[in-house]
Amino acid sequence: MNPRQRRGVLFLLAAAALAVAVFVAVSSYVSQVESQVGPKITVYQVTQPVDPYSPLGASNVEAIEVPRRWAAPTAITSLRELEGRRVGFQLATGTIVTSDMLIPSTDLDPTEREIAINVDSVTGVAGRVRPGDRVDIVAVFSEVPGLPKQVRVLVRNVRIVSIGGRQTVPDDTADTAGETQDIVPVTLALKPKDSLAVTYAGAFAEEVRLVALPGDVGTNRSQEVDEYDAGDLGGKAIPEEAQ
């Protein structure tokens, strides 16, 4: 074998060794990336802004694949879990939907109805109530024709079903146009007759307030008063003149 042939063989061996080294390096890199990324799963993200309490479904969510290790443990992985479900706050486009965003499905018994009322930081007990808590609902009547100006307990021992996210809405009671107020929708489980009373108060009472109760409230609350007006302060409760 002459020198030229020997050099050719050496070049071939060097090229083969380099190819093997490159293959090993690429394989190692791919394996490392796969070990970091891992298998993928299907999750769902919203395709457009979703308003609070709007139903989710195929029209506003889409399936995407993400590495399992990057997905939240509570991420929704089935469209069936999302169909018709709602969230209590605004979702931006691209938000991945998780189970803790969804309003719990109703667990009402046949004698209960759900109704939502808006409260603020004062009427909602400064955010201290949670789903499952029990509250009294109190209304302040001051400008309803035929009714005395009074505070009245509408319903006692009401179960809170869910609490929505904080929203900013126009303040209709403000003297200056353009002012806003922060509200929080609270969903309550009520008997049908009580739901009418709360709806009436929400429309005509000056204020509807939640009153938080201790966790060990007994069944005997007969000593508590249901109404309070000027007569309890030594004055005279005079009904407003009918208009």
C-alpha atoms as a PDB file:
ATOM      1  CA  MET A   1       0.000   0.000   0.000  1.00  0.00           C
ATOM      2  CA  ASN A   2       1.549   3.228  -1.087  1.00  0.00           C
ATOM      3  CA  PRO A   3       1.505   6.397   1.007  1.00  0.00           C
ATOM      4  CA  ARG A   4      -1.388   7.897  -0.931  1.00  0.00           C
ATOM      5  CA  GLN A   5      -3.542   4.835  -0.260  1.00  0.00           C
ATOM      6  CA  ARG A   6      -2.605   4.863   3.404  1.00  0.00           C
ATOM      7  CA  ARG A   7      -3.640   8.515   3.666  1.00  0.00           C
ATOM      8  CA  GLY A   8      -6.958   7.698   1.992  1.00  0.00           C
ATOM      9  CA  VAL A   9      -7.631   4.882   4.438  1.00  0.00           C
ATOM     10  CA  LEU A  10      -6.784   7.169   7.369  1.00  0.00           C
ATOM     11  CA  PHE A  11      -9.154   9.832   6.042  1.00  0.00           C
ATOM     12  CA  LEU A  12     -11.911   7.227   5.700  1.00  0.00           C
ATOM     13  CA  LEU A  13     -11.328   5.971   9.248  1.00  0.00           C
ATOM     14  CA  ALA A  14     -11.302   9.537  10.577  1.00  0.00           C
ATOM     15  CA  ALA A  15     -14.524  10.367   8.713  1.00  0.00           C
ATOM     16  CA  ALA A  16     -16.183   7.211  10.065  1.00  0.00           C
ATOM     17  CA  ALA A  17     -15.056   8.035  13.604  1.00  0.00           C
ATOM     18  CA  LEU A  18     -16.343  11.593  13.235  1.00  0.00           C
ATOM     19  CA  ALA A  19     -19.695  10.324  11.923  1.00  0.00           C
ATOM     20  CA  VAL A  20     -20.010   7.967  14.866  1.00  0.00           C
ATOM     21  CA  ALA A  21     -19.150  10.801  17.273  1.00  0.00           C
ATOM     22  CA  VAL A  22     -21.745  13.093  15.683  1.00  0.00           C
ATOM     23  CA  PHE A  23     -24.388  10.335  15.817  1.00  0.00           C
ATOM     24  CA  VAL A  24     -23.636   9.656  19.466  1.00  0.00           C
ATOM     25  CA  ALA A  25     -23.765  13.395  20.292  1.00  0.00           C
ATOM     26  CA  VAL A  26     -27.078  13.911  18.468  1.00  0.00           C
ATOM     27  CA  SER A  27     -28.611  10.820  20.046  1.00  0.00           C
ATOM     28  CA  SER A  28     -27.490  11.972  23.477  1.00  0.00           C
ATOM     29  CA  TYR A  29     -28.986  15.445  22.883  1.00  0.00           C
ATOM     30  CA  VAL A  30     -32.297  14.024  21.662  1.00  0.00           C
ATOM     31  CA  SER A  31     -32.476  11.677  24.640  1.00  0.00           C
ATOM     32  CA  GLN A  32     -31.738  14.550  26.993  1.00  0.00           C
ATOM     33  CA  VAL A  33     -34.454  16.712  25.428  1.00  0.00           C
ATOM     34  CA  GLU A  34     -36.973  13.861  25.572  1.00  0.00           C
ATOM     35  CA  SER A  35     -36.117  13.226  29.197  1.00  0.00           C
ATOM     36  CA  GLN A  36     -36.731  16.920  29.989  1.00  0.00           C
ATOM     37  CA  VAL A  37     -39.903  17.299  27.929  1.00  0.00           C
ATOM     38  CA  GLY A  38     -41.383  13.833  28.376  1.00  0.00           C
ATOM     39  CA  PRO A  39     -44.693  12.593  26.936  1.00  0.00           C
ATOM     40  CA  LYS A  40     -47.373  15.057  25.874  1.00  0.00           C
ATOM     41  CA  ILE A  41     -51.013  15.341  26.921  1.00  0.00           C
ATOM     42  CA  THR A  42     -54.031  17.157  25.490  1.00  0.00           C
ATOM     43  CA  VAL A  43     -55.314  20.187  27.364  1.00  0.00           C
ATOM     44  CA  TYR A  44     -57.833  22.872  26.428  1.00  0.00           C
ATOM     45  CA  GLN A  45     -57.372  26.611  26.044  1.00  0.00           C
ATOM     46  CA  VAL A  46     -59.913  29.332  25.287  1.00  0.00           C
ATOM     47  CA  THR A  47     -59.833  30.734  21.759  1.00  0.00           C
ATOM     48  CA  GLN A  48     -61.466  34.075  22.615  1.00  0.00           C
ATOM     49  CA  PRO A  49     -62.138  36.200  25.699  1.00  0.00           C
ATOM     50  CA  VAL A  50     -64.758  34.497  27.882  1.00  0.00           C
ATOM     51  CA  ASP A  51     -67.038  36.616  30.070  1.00  0.00           C
ATOM     52  CA  PRO A  52     -67.904  35.511  33.601  1.00  0.00           C
ATOM     53  CA  TYR A  53     -70.636  32.847  33.733  1.00  0.00           C
ATOM     54  CA  SER A  54     -70.491  32.214  29.964  1.00  0.00           C
ATOM     55  CA  PRO A  55     -70.689  28.477  29.106  1.00  0.00           C
ATOM     56  CA  LEU A  56     -67.581  26.751  27.782  1.00  0.00           C
ATOM     57  CA  GLY A  57     -67.650  24.372  24.813  1.00  0.00           C
ATOM     58  CA  ALA A  58     -66.345  23.607  21.354  1.00  0.00           C
ATOM     59  CA  SER A  59     -67.184  27.143  20.189  1.00  0.00           C
ATOM     60  CA  ASN A  60     -64.708  28.864  22.517  1.00  0.00           C
ATOM     61  CA  VAL A  61     -62.090  26.266  23.508  1.00  0.00           C
ATOM     62  CA  GLU A  62     -59.603  24.214  21.514  1.00  0.00           C
ATOM     63  CA  ALA A  63     -57.367  21.229  22.205  1.00  0.00           C
ATOM     64  CA  ILE A  64     -53.587  21.663  22.287  1.00  0.00           C
ATOM     65  CA  GLU A  65     -50.746  19.308  23.204  1.00  0.00           C
ATOM     66  CA  VAL A  66     -48.237  20.229  25.874  1.00  0.00           C
ATOM     67  CA  PRO A  67     -45.572  18.226  27.716  1.00  0.00           C
ATOM     68  CA  ARG A  68     -47.159  16.419  30.637  1.00  0.00           C
ATOM     69  CA  ARG A  69     -44.589  17.760  33.069  1.00  0.00           C
ATOM     70  CA  TRP A  70     -45.442  21.350  32.061  1.00  0.00           C
ATOM     71  CA  ALA A  71     -49.228  20.962  32.463  1.00  0.00           C
ATOM     72  CA  ALA A  72     -50.942  21.870  35.725  1.00  0.00           C
ATOM     73  CA  PRO A  73     -52.209  18.865  37.694  1.00  0.00           C
ATOM     74  CA  THR A  74     -55.716  20.347  37.494  1.00  0.00           C
ATOM     75  CA  ALA A  75     -55.680  20.935  33.709  1.00  0.00           C
ATOM     76  CA  ILE A  76     -58.809  19.690  31.934  1.00  0.00           C
ATOM     77  CA  THR A  77     -57.943  16.873  29.499  1.00  0.00           C
ATOM     78  CA  SER A  78     -61.395  16.028  28.124  1.00  0.00           C
ATOM     79  CA  LEU A  79     -63.837  18.252  26.240  1.00  0.00           C
ATOM     80  CA  ARG A  80     -66.683  16.387  27.923  1.00  0.00           C
ATOM     81  CA  GLU A  81     -65.560  17.817  31.273  1.00  0.00           C
ATOM     82  CA  LEU A  82     -65.910  21.364  29.856  1.00  0.00           C
ATOM     83  CA  GLU A  83     -69.147  21.232  27.878  1.00  0.00           C
ATOM     84  CA  GLY A  84     -71.632  23.634  29.442  1.00  0.00           C
ATOM     85  CA  ARG A  85     -69.461  24.398  32.480  1.00  0.00           C
ATOM     86  CA  ARG A  86     -68.892  28.013  33.540  1.00  0.00           C
ATOM     87  CA  VAL A  87     -66.224  30.101  35.218  1.00  0.00           C
ATOM     88  CA  GLY A  88     -66.902  32.967  37.592  1.00  0.00           C
ATOM     89  CA  PHE A  89     -64.360  35.408  36.162  1.00  0.00           C
ATOM     90  CA  GLN A  90     -62.982  36.721  32.865  1.00  0.00           C
ATOM     91  CA  LEU A  91     -60.701  34.412  30.847  1.00  0.00           C
ATOM     92  CA  ALA A  92     -58.238  35.859  28.336  1.00  0.00           C
ATOM     93  CA  THR A  93     -57.552  34.241  24.976  1.00  0.00           C
ATOM     94  CA  GLY A  94     -55.031  31.423  25.328  1.00  0.00           C
ATOM     95  CA  THR A  95     -55.812  30.642  28.972  1.00  0.00           C
ATOM     96  CA  ILE A  96     -55.532  26.914  29.686  1.00  0.00           C
ATOM     97  CA  VAL A  97     -58.656  25.805  31.554  1.00  0.00           C
ATOM     98  CA  THR A  98     -58.156  24.018  34.865  1.00  0.00           C
ATOM     99  CA  SER A  99     -60.706  22.362  37.103  1.00  0.00           C
ATOM    100  CA  ASP A 100     -60.268  24.938  39.888  1.00  0.00           C
ATOM    101  CA  MET A 101     -61.486  27.677  37.493  1.00  0.00           C
ATOM    102  CA  LEU A 102     -64.861  25.996  36.989  1.00  0.00           C
ATOM    103  CA  ILE A 103     -67.923  26.830  39.042  1.00  0.00           C
ATOM    104  CA  PRO A 104     -68.909  23.662  40.945  1.00  0.00           C
ATOM    105  CA  SER A 105     -71.802  21.727  39.491  1.00  0.00           C
ATOM    106  CA  THR A 106     -75.035  22.196  41.349  1.00  0.00           C
ATOM    107  CA  ASP A 107     -75.721  19.988  44.343  1.00  0.00           C
ATOM    108  CA  LEU A 108     -79.192  21.351  45.068  1.00  0.00           C
ATOM    109  CA  ASP A 109     -81.865  19.139  46.526  1.00  0.00           C
ATOM    110  CA  PRO A 110     -85.343  19.131  44.905  1.00  0.00           C
ATOM    111  CA  THR A 111     -86.625  21.830  47.282  1.00  0.00           C
ATOM    112  CA  GLU A 112     -83.805  24.313  46.593  1.00  0.00           C
ATOM    113  CA  ARG A 113     -83.213  26.913  43.900  1.00  0.00           C
ATOM    114  CA  GLU A 114     -80.054  28.807  43.006  1.00  0.00           C
ATOM    115  CA  ILE A 115     -80.065  32.593  42.918  1.00  0.00           C
ATOM    116  CA  ALA A 116     -77.137  34.999  42.599  1.00  0.00           C
ATOM    117  CA  ILE A 117     -76.872  38.420  44.221  1.00  0.00           C
ATOM    118  CA  ASN A 118     -74.146  41.028  43.933  1.00  0.00           C
ATOM    119  CA  VAL A 119     -72.323  42.084  47.083  1.00  0.00           C
ATOM    120  CA  ASP A 120     -69.379  44.369  47.765  1.00  0.00           C
ATOM    121  CA  SER A 121     -66.660  44.321  50.386  1.00  0.00           C
ATOM    122  CA  VAL A 122     -69.112  45.586  53.035  1.00  0.00           C
ATOM    123  CA  THR A 123     -72.334  43.751  52.230  1.00  0.00           C
ATOM    124  CA  GLY A 124     -70.364  40.561  51.504  1.00  0.00           C
ATOM    125  CA  VAL A 125     -68.701  40.447  54.965  1.00  0.00           C
ATOM    126  CA  ALA A 126     -65.345  41.613  53.562  1.00  0.00           C
ATOM    127  CA  GLY A 127     -64.733  38.367  51.694  1.00  0.00           C
ATOM    128  CA  ARG A 128     -64.791  36.215  54.844  1.00  0.00           C
ATOM    129  CA  VAL A 129     -67.510  33.844  53.636  1.00  0.00           C
ATOM    130  CA  ARG A 130     -66.756  30.815  51.476  1.00  0.00           C
ATOM    131  CA  PRO A 131     -68.794  28.243  49.522  1.00  0.00           C
ATOM    132  CA  GLY A 132     -70.501  25.951  52.005  1.00  0.00           C
ATOM    133  CA  ASP A 133     -70.793  28.635  54.698  1.00  0.00           C
ATOM    134  CA  ARG A 134     -74.182  29.608  56.133  1.00  0.00           C
ATOM    135  CA  VAL A 135     -75.425  33.196  56.274  1.00  0.00           C
ATOM    136  CA  ASP A 136     -78.510  35.244  57.055  1.00  0.00           C
ATOM    137  CA  ILE A 137     -79.762  37.635  54.373  1.00  0.00           C
ATOM    138  CA  VAL A 138     -80.773  41.065  55.663  1.00  0.00           C
ATOM    139  CA  ALA A 139     -82.393  43.858  53.639  1.00  0.00           C
ATOM    140  CA  VAL A 140     -82.616  47.579  54.365  1.00  0.00           C
ATOM    141  CA  PHE A 141     -85.894  49.131  53.168  1.00  0.00           C
ATOM    142  CA  SER A 142     -86.079  52.918  53.139  1.00  0.00           C
ATOM    143  CA  GLU A 143     -87.747  54.095  49.952  1.00  0.00           C
ATOM    144  CA  VAL A 144     -90.357  51.409  49.214  1.00  0.00           C
ATOM    145  CA  PRO A 145     -93.892  52.873  49.195  1.00  0.00           C
ATOM    146  CA  GLY A 146     -96.097  51.262  51.811  1.00  0.00           C
ATOM    147  CA  LEU A 147     -93.242  49.847  53.865  1.00  0.00           C
ATOM    148  CA  PRO A 148     -91.740  51.407  56.992  1.00  0.00           C
ATOM    149  CA  LYS A 149     -88.095  52.293  56.920  1.00  0.00           C
ATOM    150  CA  GLN A 150     -86.609  49.250  58.549  1.00  0.00           C
ATOM    151  CA  VAL A 151     -84.009  46.504  58.532  1.00  0.00           C
ATOM    152  CA  ARG A 152     -85.528  43.070  58.008  1.00  0.00           C
ATOM    153  CA  VAL A 153     -84.128  39.529  58.069  1.00  0.00           C
ATOM    154  CA  LEU A 154     -85.358  37.963  54.844  1.00  0.00           C
ATOM    155  CA  VAL A 155     -83.974  34.434  55.209  1.00  0.00           C
ATOM    156  CA  ARG A 156     -81.984  32.656  57.888  1.00  0.00           C
ATOM    157  CA  ASN A 157     -79.308  29.990  57.599  1.00  0.00           C
ATOM    158  CA  VAL A 158     -78.761  30.141  53.818  1.00  0.00           C
ATOM    159  CA  ARG A 159     -76.075  28.000  52.191  1.00  0.00           C
ATOM    160  CA  ILE A 160     -73.563  29.685  49.885  1.00  0.00           C
ATOM    161  CA  VAL A 161     -73.103  27.619  46.707  1.00  0.00           C
ATOM    162  CA  SER A 162     -70.336  29.579  44.997  1.00  0.00           C
ATOM    163  CA  ILE A 163     -68.598  32.949  44.952  1.00  0.00           C
ATOM    164  CA  GLY A 164     -67.606  34.531  41.642  1.00  0.00           C
ATOM    165  CA  GLY A 165     -64.587  36.653  40.843  1.00  0.00           C
ATOM    166  CA  ARG A 166     -64.481  40.370  41.571  1.00  0.00           C
ATOM    167  CA  GLN A 167     -65.931  42.540  38.798  1.00  0.00           C
ATOM    168  CA  THR A 168     -65.895  46.279  38.162  1.00  0.00           C
ATOM    169  CA  VAL A 169     -69.218  47.670  36.968  1.00  0.00           C
ATOM    170  CA  PRO A 170     -70.731  51.172  36.548  1.00  0.00           C
ATOM    171  CA  ASP A 171     -72.061  52.624  39.792  1.00  0.00           C
ATOM    172  CA  ASP A 172     -75.708  53.523  39.106  1.00  0.00           C
ATOM    173  CA  THR A 173     -76.074  55.167  42.516  1.00  0.00           C
ATOM    174  CA  ALA A 174     -73.164  57.576  42.097  1.00  0.00           C
ATOM    175  CA  ASP A 175     -73.810  61.283  41.574  1.00  0.00           C
ATOM    176  CA  THR A 176     -71.005  61.577  39.030  1.00  0.00           C
ATOM    177  CA  ALA A 177     -71.223  59.782  35.690  1.00  0.00           C
ATOM    178  CA  GLY A 178     -68.478  57.281  34.934  1.00  0.00           C
ATOM    179  CA  GLU A 179     -67.888  56.131  38.505  1.00  0.00           C
ATOM    180  CA  THR A 180     -67.510  52.389  39.067  1.00  0.00           C
ATOM    181  CA  GLN A 181     -67.824  49.946  41.920  1.00  0.00           C
ATOM    182  CA  ASP A 182     -66.365  46.510  42.657  1.00  0.00           C
ATOM    183  CA  ILE A 183     -68.892  43.710  43.125  1.00  0.00           C
ATOM    184  CA  VAL A 184     -68.720  39.973  43.744  1.00  0.00           C
ATOM    185  CA  PRO A 185     -71.583  37.681  42.618  1.00  0.00           C
ATOM    186  CA  VAL A 186     -72.603  35.217  45.342  1.00  0.00           C
ATOM    187  CA  THR A 187     -74.803  32.235  44.468  1.00  0.00           C
ATOM    188  CA  LEU A 188     -77.177  31.045  47.200  1.00  0.00           C
ATOM    189  CA  ALA A 189     -79.320  27.929  47.670  1.00  0.00           C
ATOM    190  CA  LEU A 190     -82.843  29.005  48.642  1.00  0.00           C
ATOM    191  CA  LYS A 191     -86.332  27.641  48.951  1.00  0.00           C
ATOM    192  CA  PRO A 192     -88.553  28.875  46.082  1.00  0.00           C
ATOM    193  CA  LYS A 193     -90.502  31.328  48.286  1.00  0.00           C
ATOM    194  CA  ASP A 194     -87.286  32.683  49.816  1.00  0.00           C
ATOM    195  CA  SER A 195     -85.769  33.154  46.375  1.00  0.00           C
ATOM    196  CA  LEU A 196     -88.685  35.469  45.510  1.00  0.00           C
ATOM    197  CA  ALA A 197     -88.146  37.464  48.700  1.00  0.00           C
ATOM    198  CA  VAL A 198     -84.438  37.913  47.975  1.00  0.00           C
ATOM    199  CA  THR A 199     -85.156  38.840  44.345  1.00  0.00           C
ATOM    200  CA  TYR A 200     -87.672  41.468  45.492  1.00  0.00           C
ATOM    201  CA  ALA A 201     -85.178  42.894  47.969  1.00  0.00           C
ATOM    202  CA  GLY A 202     -82.455  42.950  45.318  1.00  0.00           C
ATOM    203  CA  ALA A 203     -84.716  45.069  43.103  1.00  0.00           C
ATOM    204  CA  PHE A 204     -86.255  47.443  45.669  1.00  0.00           C
ATOM    205  CA  ALA A 205     -84.259  47.427  48.905  1.00  0.00           C
ATOM    206  CA  GLU A 206     -81.606  50.056  49.452  1.00  0.00           C
ATOM    207  CA  GLU A 207     -79.159  47.374  50.515  1.00  0.00           C
ATOM    208  CA  VAL A 208     -79.028  43.569  50.755  1.00  0.00           C
ATOM    209  CA  ARG A 209     -76.431  42.286  53.181  1.00  0.00           C
ATOM    210  CA  LEU A 210     -75.006  38.906  54.126  1.00  0.00           C
ATOM    211  CA  VAL A 211     -74.586  38.211  57.835  1.00  0.00           C
ATOM    212  CA  ALA A 212     -72.003  35.525  58.570  1.00  0.00           C
ATOM    213  CA  LEU A 213     -72.896  32.877  61.155  1.00  0.00           C
ATOM    214  CA  PRO A 214     -70.708  30.830  63.493  1.00  0.00           C
ATOM    215  CA  GLY A 215     -70.004  27.293  62.364  1.00  0.00           C
ATOM    216  CA  ASP A 216     -71.929  25.694  65.232  1.00  0.00           C
ATOM    217  CA  VAL A 217     -75.236  27.561  64.884  1.00  0.00           C
ATOM    218  CA  GLY A 218     -77.965  25.552  66.594  1.00  0.00           C
ATOM    219  CA  THR A 219     -81.539  25.110  65.487  1.00  0.00           C
ATOM    220  CA  ASN A 220     -83.052  27.292  68.223  1.00  0.00           C
ATOM    221  CA  ARG A 221     -82.724  30.951  67.228  1.00  0.00           C
ATOM    222  CA  SER A 222     -86.170  31.972  68.458  1.00  0.00           C
ATOM    223  CA  GLN A 223     -84.792  34.791  70.620  1.00  0.00           C
ATOM    224  CA  GLU A 224     -83.346  36.682  67.655  1.00  0.00           C
ATOM    225  CA  VAL A 225     -85.339  39.583  66.229  1.00  0.00           C
ATOM    226  CA  ASP A 226     -86.389  39.641  62.574  1.00  0.00           C
ATOM    227  CA  GLU A 227     -87.088  43.358  62.136  1.00  0.00           C
ATOM    228  CA  TYR A 228     -85.692  46.631  63.412  1.00  0.00           C
ATOM    229  CA  ASP A 229     -87.002  50.131  62.782  1.00  0.00           C
ATOM    230  CA  ALA A 230     -87.434  53.533  64.399  1.00  0.00           C
ATOM    231  CA  GLY A 231     -89.825  52.085  66.982  1.00  0.00           C
ATOM    232  CA  ASP A 232     -86.962  50.058  68.456  1.00  0.00           C
ATOM    233  CA  LEU A 233     -85.060  53.313  68.966  1.00  0.00           C
ATOM    234  CA  GLY A 234     -87.944  55.003  70.764  1.00  0.00           C
ATOM    235  CA  GLY A 235     -89.338  56.684  67.656  1.00  0.00           C
ATOM    236  CA  LYS A 236     -92.272  55.850  65.408  1.00  0.00           C
ATOM    237  CA  ALA A 237     -92.034  53.760  62.272  1.00  0.00           C
ATOM    238  CA  ILE A 238     -94.240  55.500  59.733  1.00  0.00           C
ATOM    239  CA  PRO A 239     -94.969  53.724  56.436  1.00  0.00           C
ATOM    240  CA  GLU A 240     -94.048  55.672  53.326  1.00  0.00           C
ATOM    241  CA  GLU A 241     -97.025  57.164  51.499  1.00  0.00           C
ATOM    242  CA  ALA A 242     -98.104  55.188  48.475  1.00  0.00           C
ATOM    243  CA  GLN A 243     -97.144  56.896  45.248  1.00  0.00           C
END
